[in-house]
Amino acid sequence: MLALAVGAMLISAILTAGGCGGNGPGKTVEDFVDALNNRDFAAVYELSSAGTRESISREEFVAALEANWVEGSRMENLEIISEEIDGDGAVVKFKVRVTGPAAAGGGEESEQETALVKEDGEWKLR
């Protein structure tokens, strides 16, 4: 059951990632997309908030992503629409296209958003 819940959360996070330059929250999301596209799931774990890391071990997290992110799938055409920063929280809105086997809608571009939190001076995915 935990793996199913984690898988659903990770797929949601995958579909709500984007990025922009600098060291702001968009950069964290860019790094997330790069790590995901490179199947570096341990790096994805490190980009996650402390709350996420406390709720699941690195091994379980990586295994859930390996099981849910279909090899050959990619996130492409990433375009940041906005970064809304409020103290230690942020929301990044963006457009992205998922291609390959994970492209449920045939690789159509979609508008998404994701929440981040600033921890120890670094933006992390919630």
N, C-alpha and C. Protein backbone atom coordinates (compact mmCIF):
# COMPACT_ATOMS: atom_id res chain seq x y z
N MET A 1 0.83 -1.19 0.00
CA MET A 1 0.00 0.00 0.00
C MET A 1 0.87 1.26 0.00
N LEU A 2 1.95 1.25 0.82
CA LEU A 2 2.86 2.39 0.86
C LEU A 2 3.47 2.62 -0.52
N ALA A 3 3.91 1.56 -1.18
CA ALA A 3 4.51 1.71 -2.50
C ALA A 3 3.52 2.30 -3.49
N LEU A 4 2.25 1.91 -3.39
CA LEU A 4 1.23 2.45 -4.27
C LEU A 4 1.03 3.94 -4.01
N ALA A 5 0.96 4.33 -2.75
CA ALA A 5 0.79 5.74 -2.39
C ALA A 5 2.00 6.56 -2.83
N VAL A 6 3.20 6.01 -2.61
CA VAL A 6 4.42 6.71 -3.02
C VAL A 6 4.46 6.81 -4.53
N GLY A 7 4.10 5.75 -5.21
CA GLY A 7 4.09 5.78 -6.68
C GLY A 7 3.15 6.86 -7.20
N ALA A 8 1.96 6.97 -6.62
CA ALA A 8 1.01 7.99 -7.04
C ALA A 8 1.57 9.38 -6.77
N MET A 9 2.19 9.56 -5.60
CA MET A 9 2.77 10.86 -5.26
C MET A 9 3.89 11.21 -6.23
N LEU A 10 4.72 10.24 -6.56
CA LEU A 10 5.84 10.49 -7.44
C LEU A 10 5.38 10.79 -8.86
N ILE A 11 4.39 10.08 -9.33
CA ILE A 11 3.87 10.36 -10.66
C ILE A 11 3.29 11.77 -10.68
N SER A 12 2.59 12.15 -9.62
CA SER A 12 2.05 13.51 -9.52
C SER A 12 3.19 14.52 -9.55
N ALA A 13 4.25 14.26 -8.79
CA ALA A 13 5.39 15.18 -8.77
C ALA A 13 6.06 15.24 -10.14
N ILE A 14 6.17 14.11 -10.79
CA ILE A 14 6.77 14.06 -12.12
C ILE A 14 6.01 14.96 -13.07
N LEU A 15 4.70 14.90 -12.99
CA LEU A 15 3.89 15.69 -13.90
C LEU A 15 3.73 17.13 -13.45
N THR A 16 4.30 17.49 -12.30
CA THR A 16 4.22 18.87 -11.84
C THR A 16 5.60 19.46 -11.66
N ALA A 17 6.52 19.18 -12.56
CA ALA A 17 7.86 19.73 -12.45
C ALA A 17 8.13 20.70 -13.58
N GLY A 18 9.00 21.65 -13.36
CA GLY A 18 9.39 22.65 -14.35
C GLY A 18 10.67 23.30 -13.88
N GLY A 19 11.15 24.38 -14.51
CA GLY A 19 12.34 25.01 -14.01
C GLY A 19 12.69 26.30 -14.70
N CYS A 20 13.58 27.05 -14.08
CA CYS A 20 14.13 28.25 -14.67
C CYS A 20 15.52 28.47 -14.10
N GLY A 21 16.18 29.51 -14.53
CA GLY A 21 17.55 29.73 -14.14
C GLY A 21 17.70 30.23 -12.72
N GLY A 22 18.97 30.46 -12.32
CA GLY A 22 19.26 30.97 -10.99
C GLY A 22 19.21 29.90 -9.94
N ASN A 23 19.12 30.34 -8.68
CA ASN A 23 19.07 29.41 -7.55
C ASN A 23 17.70 29.39 -6.92
N GLY A 24 16.71 29.88 -7.60
CA GLY A 24 15.35 29.91 -7.07
C GLY A 24 14.68 28.56 -7.15
N PRO A 25 13.40 28.52 -6.82
CA PRO A 25 12.67 27.25 -6.84
C PRO A 25 12.60 26.62 -8.23
N GLY A 26 12.59 27.43 -9.26
CA GLY A 26 12.56 26.89 -10.62
C GLY A 26 13.81 26.09 -10.94
N LYS A 27 14.95 26.50 -10.41
CA LYS A 27 16.21 25.76 -10.63
C LYS A 27 16.12 24.37 -10.02
N THR A 28 15.50 24.28 -8.84
CA THR A 28 15.32 22.97 -8.21
C THR A 28 14.47 22.07 -9.09
N VAL A 29 13.43 22.65 -9.68
CA VAL A 29 12.56 21.85 -10.53
C VAL A 29 13.28 21.45 -11.80
N GLU A 30 14.11 22.34 -12.35
CA GLU A 30 14.94 21.98 -13.50
C GLU A 30 15.83 20.79 -13.16
N ASP A 31 16.47 20.87 -11.99
CA ASP A 31 17.34 19.78 -11.55
C ASP A 31 16.56 18.49 -11.40
N PHE A 32 15.34 18.59 -10.89
CA PHE A 32 14.45 17.42 -10.75
C PHE A 32 14.18 16.79 -12.11
N VAL A 33 13.83 17.60 -13.08
CA VAL A 33 13.54 17.09 -14.42
C VAL A 33 14.78 16.44 -15.02
N ASP A 34 15.94 17.10 -14.88
CA ASP A 34 17.18 16.52 -15.40
C ASP A 34 17.47 15.17 -14.74
N ALA A 35 17.33 15.11 -13.41
CA ALA A 35 17.59 13.85 -12.70
C ALA A 35 16.62 12.77 -13.14
N LEU A 36 15.37 13.13 -13.29
CA LEU A 36 14.35 12.17 -13.71
C LEU A 36 14.66 11.67 -15.12
N ASN A 37 14.96 12.58 -16.03
CA ASN A 37 15.28 12.19 -17.41
C ASN A 37 16.51 11.30 -17.48
N ASN A 38 17.44 11.48 -16.53
CA ASN A 38 18.66 10.65 -16.47
C ASN A 38 18.48 9.42 -15.61
N ARG A 39 17.26 9.21 -15.12
CA ARG A 39 16.94 8.08 -14.24
C ARG A 39 17.85 8.05 -13.01
N ASP A 40 18.22 9.25 -12.52
CA ASP A 40 19.03 9.38 -11.31
C ASP A 40 18.05 9.60 -10.15
N PHE A 41 17.39 8.53 -9.74
CA PHE A 41 16.31 8.63 -8.77
C PHE A 41 16.82 8.96 -7.36
N ALA A 42 18.09 8.65 -7.07
CA ALA A 42 18.67 9.05 -5.79
C ALA A 42 18.78 10.58 -5.73
N ALA A 43 19.11 11.21 -6.86
CA ALA A 43 19.17 12.68 -6.91
C ALA A 43 17.77 13.27 -6.74
N VAL A 44 16.77 12.62 -7.31
CA VAL A 44 15.39 13.08 -7.13
C VAL A 44 15.03 13.05 -5.65
N TYR A 45 15.44 12.01 -4.96
CA TYR A 45 15.19 11.89 -3.52
C TYR A 45 15.81 13.06 -2.77
N GLU A 46 17.03 13.41 -3.13
CA GLU A 46 17.74 14.51 -2.45
C GLU A 46 17.08 15.86 -2.72
N LEU A 47 16.36 16.00 -3.81
CA LEU A 47 15.66 17.24 -4.13
C LEU A 47 14.31 17.33 -3.43
N SER A 48 13.92 16.27 -2.74
CA SER A 48 12.64 16.22 -2.03
C SER A 48 12.78 16.83 -0.64
N SER A 49 11.68 17.31 -0.11
CA SER A 49 11.67 17.95 1.21
C SER A 49 12.01 16.96 2.31
N ALA A 50 12.39 17.52 3.46
CA ALA A 50 12.69 16.70 4.63
C ALA A 50 11.49 15.85 5.01
N GLY A 51 10.29 16.42 4.88
CA GLY A 51 9.08 15.66 5.20
C GLY A 51 8.95 14.41 4.35
N THR A 52 9.25 14.54 3.06
CA THR A 52 9.21 13.37 2.18
C THR A 52 10.29 12.38 2.58
N ARG A 53 11.49 12.88 2.80
CA ARG A 53 12.61 11.99 3.14
C ARG A 53 12.40 11.29 4.49
N GLU A 54 11.67 11.94 5.40
CA GLU A 54 11.38 11.31 6.70
C GLU A 54 10.30 10.24 6.58
N SER A 55 9.45 10.35 5.55
CA SER A 55 8.33 9.42 5.42
C SER A 55 8.68 8.16 4.62
N ILE A 56 9.83 8.18 3.94
CA ILE A 56 10.19 7.04 3.10
C ILE A 56 11.71 6.97 2.99
N SER A 57 12.24 5.77 3.00
CA SER A 57 13.69 5.62 2.86
C SER A 57 14.10 5.87 1.41
N ARG A 58 15.37 6.16 1.25
CA ARG A 58 15.91 6.36 -0.11
C ARG A 58 15.66 5.11 -0.96
N GLU A 59 15.88 3.94 -0.38
CA GLU A 59 15.72 2.70 -1.14
C GLU A 59 14.27 2.51 -1.61
N GLU A 60 13.31 2.77 -0.71
CA GLU A 60 11.90 2.63 -1.09
C GLU A 60 11.51 3.67 -2.14
N PHE A 61 12.00 4.89 -1.99
CA PHE A 61 11.72 5.97 -2.92
C PHE A 61 12.24 5.62 -4.30
N VAL A 62 13.51 5.21 -4.36
CA VAL A 62 14.13 4.85 -5.64
C VAL A 62 13.39 3.68 -6.28
N ALA A 63 13.06 2.68 -5.48
CA ALA A 63 12.34 1.51 -6.01
C ALA A 63 10.97 1.92 -6.57
N ALA A 64 10.28 2.83 -5.89
CA ALA A 64 8.97 3.29 -6.36
C ALA A 64 9.11 4.02 -7.69
N LEU A 65 10.12 4.88 -7.81
CA LEU A 65 10.32 5.58 -9.09
C LEU A 65 10.73 4.61 -10.19
N GLU A 66 11.60 3.68 -9.86
CA GLU A 66 12.00 2.69 -10.87
C GLU A 66 10.79 1.92 -11.38
N ALA A 67 9.84 1.64 -10.49
CA ALA A 67 8.65 0.89 -10.87
C ALA A 67 7.64 1.74 -11.62
N ASN A 68 7.66 3.07 -11.40
CA ASN A 68 6.61 3.92 -11.96
C ASN A 68 7.06 4.82 -13.11
N TRP A 69 8.33 5.10 -13.24
CA TRP A 69 8.79 5.95 -14.34
C TRP A 69 9.34 5.05 -15.44
N VAL A 70 8.57 4.92 -16.50
CA VAL A 70 8.87 3.98 -17.58
C VAL A 70 10.13 4.43 -18.33
N GLU A 71 11.07 3.51 -18.45
CA GLU A 71 12.31 3.82 -19.17
C GLU A 71 11.97 4.29 -20.59
N GLY A 72 12.69 5.30 -21.03
CA GLY A 72 12.45 5.88 -22.35
C GLY A 72 11.51 7.07 -22.31
N SER A 73 10.89 7.30 -21.16
CA SER A 73 10.02 8.46 -21.01
C SER A 73 10.87 9.67 -20.67
N ARG A 74 10.43 10.84 -21.13
CA ARG A 74 11.18 12.07 -20.89
C ARG A 74 10.22 13.22 -20.68
N MET A 75 10.71 14.22 -19.97
CA MET A 75 10.00 15.49 -19.84
C MET A 75 10.74 16.49 -20.70
N GLU A 76 10.04 17.09 -21.65
CA GLU A 76 10.69 17.97 -22.63
C GLU A 76 9.94 19.29 -22.75
N ASN A 77 10.56 20.24 -23.45
CA ASN A 77 9.97 21.55 -23.73
C ASN A 77 9.52 22.27 -22.46
N LEU A 78 10.33 22.18 -21.43
CA LEU A 78 10.04 22.80 -20.15
C LEU A 78 10.04 24.32 -20.29
N GLU A 79 8.97 24.96 -19.86
CA GLU A 79 8.85 26.41 -19.93
C GLU A 79 8.22 26.92 -18.64
N ILE A 80 8.97 27.76 -17.92
CA ILE A 80 8.43 28.33 -16.68
C ILE A 80 7.46 29.44 -17.04
N ILE A 81 6.29 29.39 -16.42
CA ILE A 81 5.30 30.45 -16.58
C ILE A 81 5.45 31.46 -15.45
N SER A 82 5.61 30.96 -14.22
CA SER A 82 5.79 31.87 -13.08
C SER A 82 6.39 31.14 -11.90
N GLU A 83 7.03 31.93 -11.03
CA GLU A 83 7.50 31.48 -9.73
C GLU A 83 6.87 32.42 -8.71
N GLU A 84 6.07 31.88 -7.82
CA GLU A 84 5.45 32.69 -6.78
C GLU A 84 6.08 32.29 -5.45
N ILE A 85 6.91 33.18 -4.90
CA ILE A 85 7.61 32.90 -3.65
C ILE A 85 6.93 33.67 -2.52
N ASP A 86 6.64 32.95 -1.44
CA ASP A 86 6.04 33.54 -0.26
C ASP A 86 6.80 33.02 0.96
N GLY A 87 7.80 33.79 1.40
CA GLY A 87 8.63 33.35 2.53
C GLY A 87 9.44 32.12 2.15
N ASP A 88 9.23 31.03 2.90
CA ASP A 88 9.94 29.78 2.65
C ASP A 88 9.13 28.82 1.80
N GLY A 89 8.08 29.29 1.17
CA GLY A 89 7.27 28.47 0.28
C GLY A 89 7.25 29.07 -1.11
N ALA A 90 7.01 28.25 -2.09
CA ALA A 90 6.92 28.72 -3.47
C ALA A 90 6.04 27.78 -4.28
N VAL A 91 5.49 28.35 -5.34
CA VAL A 91 4.76 27.57 -6.33
C VAL A 91 5.33 27.93 -7.69
N VAL A 92 5.74 26.92 -8.45
CA VAL A 92 6.26 27.12 -9.79
C VAL A 92 5.21 26.61 -10.77
N LYS A 93 4.77 27.50 -11.67
CA LYS A 93 3.84 27.11 -12.73
C LYS A 93 4.64 27.01 -14.03
N PHE A 94 4.32 26.01 -14.85
CA PHE A 94 5.11 25.76 -16.04
C PHE A 94 4.33 24.95 -17.06
N LYS A 95 4.93 24.83 -18.24
CA LYS A 95 4.44 23.94 -19.28
C LYS A 95 5.50 22.88 -19.50
N VAL A 96 5.06 21.66 -19.78
CA VAL A 96 5.99 20.56 -20.04
C VAL A 96 5.30 19.54 -20.93
N ARG A 97 6.11 18.80 -21.65
CA ARG A 97 5.61 17.72 -22.48
C ARG A 97 6.28 16.42 -22.04
N VAL A 98 5.48 15.43 -21.67
CA VAL A 98 6.01 14.11 -21.34
C VAL A 98 5.96 13.29 -22.62
N THR A 99 7.11 12.72 -22.99
CA THR A 99 7.17 11.93 -24.21
C THR A 99 7.59 10.50 -23.88
N GLY A 100 7.49 9.64 -24.85
CA GLY A 100 7.87 8.24 -24.66
C GLY A 100 6.74 7.43 -24.06
N PRO A 101 7.05 6.28 -23.50
CA PRO A 101 6.03 5.36 -23.00
C PRO A 101 5.13 5.94 -21.90
N ALA A 102 5.59 6.95 -21.13
CA ALA A 102 4.77 7.52 -20.06
C ALA A 102 3.81 8.59 -20.55
N ALA A 103 3.83 8.89 -21.85
CA ALA A 103 3.01 9.97 -22.40
C ALA A 103 1.57 9.51 -22.57
N ALA A 104 0.79 9.66 -21.51
CA ALA A 104 -0.60 9.20 -21.53
C ALA A 104 -1.44 9.91 -22.59
N GLY A 105 -1.17 11.19 -22.81
CA GLY A 105 -1.96 11.96 -23.76
C GLY A 105 -1.30 12.08 -25.11
N GLY A 106 -0.41 11.18 -25.43
CA GLY A 106 0.25 11.23 -26.74
C GLY A 106 1.33 12.29 -26.82
N GLY A 107 1.85 12.71 -25.67
CA GLY A 107 2.93 13.68 -25.68
C GLY A 107 2.46 15.11 -25.80
N GLU A 108 1.22 15.38 -25.44
CA GLU A 108 0.72 16.74 -25.51
C GLU A 108 1.32 17.59 -24.40
N GLU A 109 1.56 18.86 -24.70
CA GLU A 109 2.07 19.78 -23.69
C GLU A 109 0.97 20.10 -22.69
N SER A 110 1.33 20.16 -21.42
CA SER A 110 0.34 20.49 -20.40
C SER A 110 0.89 21.56 -19.46
N GLU A 111 0.00 22.32 -18.87
CA GLU A 111 0.37 23.33 -17.89
C GLU A 111 0.21 22.72 -16.51
N GLN A 112 1.24 22.87 -15.67
CA GLN A 112 1.28 22.24 -14.36
C GLN A 112 1.79 23.23 -13.33
N GLU A 113 1.75 22.84 -12.07
CA GLU A 113 2.40 23.60 -11.02
C GLU A 113 2.86 22.65 -9.93
N THR A 114 3.88 23.09 -9.19
CA THR A 114 4.39 22.29 -8.08
C THR A 114 4.79 23.20 -6.93
N ALA A 115 4.63 22.70 -5.72
CA ALA A 115 4.97 23.45 -4.52
C ALA A 115 6.37 23.07 -4.05
N LEU A 116 7.08 24.05 -3.53
CA LEU A 116 8.43 23.84 -2.98
C LEU A 116 8.52 24.50 -1.62
N VAL A 117 9.51 24.09 -0.86
CA VAL A 117 9.77 24.66 0.46
C VAL A 117 11.27 24.92 0.57
N LYS A 118 11.62 26.03 1.21
CA LYS A 118 13.04 26.35 1.40
C LYS A 118 13.50 25.75 2.72
N GLU A 119 14.51 24.89 2.63
CA GLU A 119 15.08 24.22 3.80
C GLU A 119 16.58 24.43 3.80
N ASP A 120 17.10 25.00 4.87
CA ASP A 120 18.54 25.25 4.98
C ASP A 120 19.07 26.01 3.77
N GLY A 121 18.29 26.97 3.29
CA GLY A 121 18.72 27.81 2.17
C GLY A 121 18.55 27.20 0.79
N GLU A 122 18.00 25.99 0.70
CA GLU A 122 17.82 25.31 -0.59
C GLU A 122 16.34 25.02 -0.83
N TRP A 123 15.90 25.17 -2.06
CA TRP A 123 14.50 24.86 -2.42
C TRP A 123 14.36 23.36 -2.63
N LYS A 124 13.35 22.78 -2.02
CA LYS A 124 13.07 21.33 -2.11
C LYS A 124 11.64 21.13 -2.57
N LEU A 125 11.39 20.05 -3.29
CA LEU A 125 10.04 19.69 -3.72
C LEU A 125 9.25 19.15 -2.54
N ARG A 126 8.03 19.65 -2.39
CA ARG A 126 7.18 19.15 -1.29
C ARG A 126 6.62 17.80 -1.64
